[in-house]
Amino acid sequence: MRTKEEFVKGLRDRRKVFYRGGLIDVTEHPVIKVAVSHASKLFEYRERVGEDNSSKFFRVPRDSQDLMERHRLIYGLTMYCNGIFNISQAIGSDALFALLITSRKVDKERGTDYTRRVENYLAYVKERDLTLATAQTDVKGDRSKRPKEQEDPDMYLRITEVRSDGIVVKGAKAHTTQAAVSDEIVVIPTRAMRDNEKEYAVAFAVPAETEGLRMYVRPIDELEGNSSAVVSRQDYELETLTVFDNVFVPWDRVFLFQESKFAGQLATLFATFHRFTALSYRVATANLFLGAARLASYVNGIQNEKQVRDDMVDIIMYKEVMRATALSAALSPLIDESVAIPNPTFTNVGKLYSNAHFHDVVRDLIDISGGIIATMPSEEDLKGEGGEEILKYLRGAVDGKERTQVLKMAKELGSSHLTGYLLTLMVHAEGSMEASKIELYRGYDFSDSEKLVRSLLKS
């Protein structure tokens, strides 16, 4: 197992990462290195180490017990990282589980050897204890047009050249969380492809320092724009636009090549694993809002008010519905190619609930904390010449210093750049609400409902 120091040292390579217009060293940049520190906490978390002295994240789930353990692992690591999800081995392994299932199906039908490649790659990253980012979402261009119809063919990542030793790909993937501070990037299709779109049906893995790979990190306004930030100064994750400019991929790292029939299946399988992971980490993230709201009610002296109780129950419901659906998904898995898949119905129900109700959680926190979290003086004022006077007038049920400490956290979660980022994240991350609705409707078993009504109509 690697140490955090070995992980950080490994990031000092040839990777091309750009931030605010400049090429940076992710381990040295004063803002981006916070994400490096966050990722490195994986290597401090001893509960992830299995009996075989390898990461439990790479244990292929075979049954309900394995999925339950994965849920607890993701929840526990998120709590260890102050309620901020640590994807370093979670999402990449989700993609590998989906690839294991898909590769076996393709091999059976086409006589290919993808299973060997995926299994060898899984063994490779497991042995070296590597971190993985997953690049799925294509930039898509004109959403009304399919990949082949785009004015610019690079709007979906595609194969541009086939060589004896591998393939060359071009395009870009958006929202590649933590790619800039990961060892490897696993690439999979974003959607189903038609027969005439074979060049877009591709899956593979490359090191983050691969030639032709460039990553553009979004502005970290949560940290740079909020001097009173609490959690962001210790933990946050990067989002990156990842450009593949004629990137070469050797055949042993190609896991899907022009098999358009299986692109959609792979995308859906990954989404199911990914959404189960989302439920597991979001239960932990909800503790940030629950704890901040609870403490805000104390320092404001309103913990016994009915409206506060109602707001707190909203947040409790949000947290526990996600936990309940995650556990249900683990207890009722589908087994495909000897891999346990979280139950898609419970997974998508939980994901949709999470999507639809996160803004309620933010509203509840604001309601309890008060408008002061949007108008309170700056951190510089609190530490400046008039700091004592400000604290005098910011007292509540406790003195101004204690109340302000709590309100800083409430501000970061409920009235800051981080709030806007999370509001967007909780709607679109792990697939849009519409994508979850499609999968829930398409895969739902209506038979009991239809039989019940039909039997009544015949009586």
Foldseek 3Di string as FASTA:
>chain_A
DDALVVLLVLQQDQFFEDEPHHTDRQCPPPQSVLASLLLRVVRVPVVQQDPVRWGLLLVFAQALVSLVVVLVVQLVSCVVLVLAGRQFSNLVSLLLNLLLQLLVVCCVVPVDDLNVLSVVVSVVCRVVVFGEWEFEAFQCAPVVDDLVPDPDNQSAKFWDAQDPFFTWIWHKGWFRKQLSSGQKYWYAYQAQDDLVRLRRHWIFMDTSSFPQKHKYWDDPCLPVVAVLADSSSNDDIIIIIITRGGTTGGPSGINTGSPRRCRHSSNVSSLQSQLLSVLSSVLSNLVLLLVLLCVLLVQQVNNPPPLLVVLNVLSVCLNVLSVVLSSQQSNDFDAGPSGTTRNLQSSLVNLLSQLVCPVSSLVSLCVSNDPCLQVPDGPCCCVDDCNVVSQCVCGHSHGSVVSVNSSSSSSSCRPGPNVVVVNVCSQQPSHHNVVSVVSNVVPPDCVVVVVVVVVVVVD
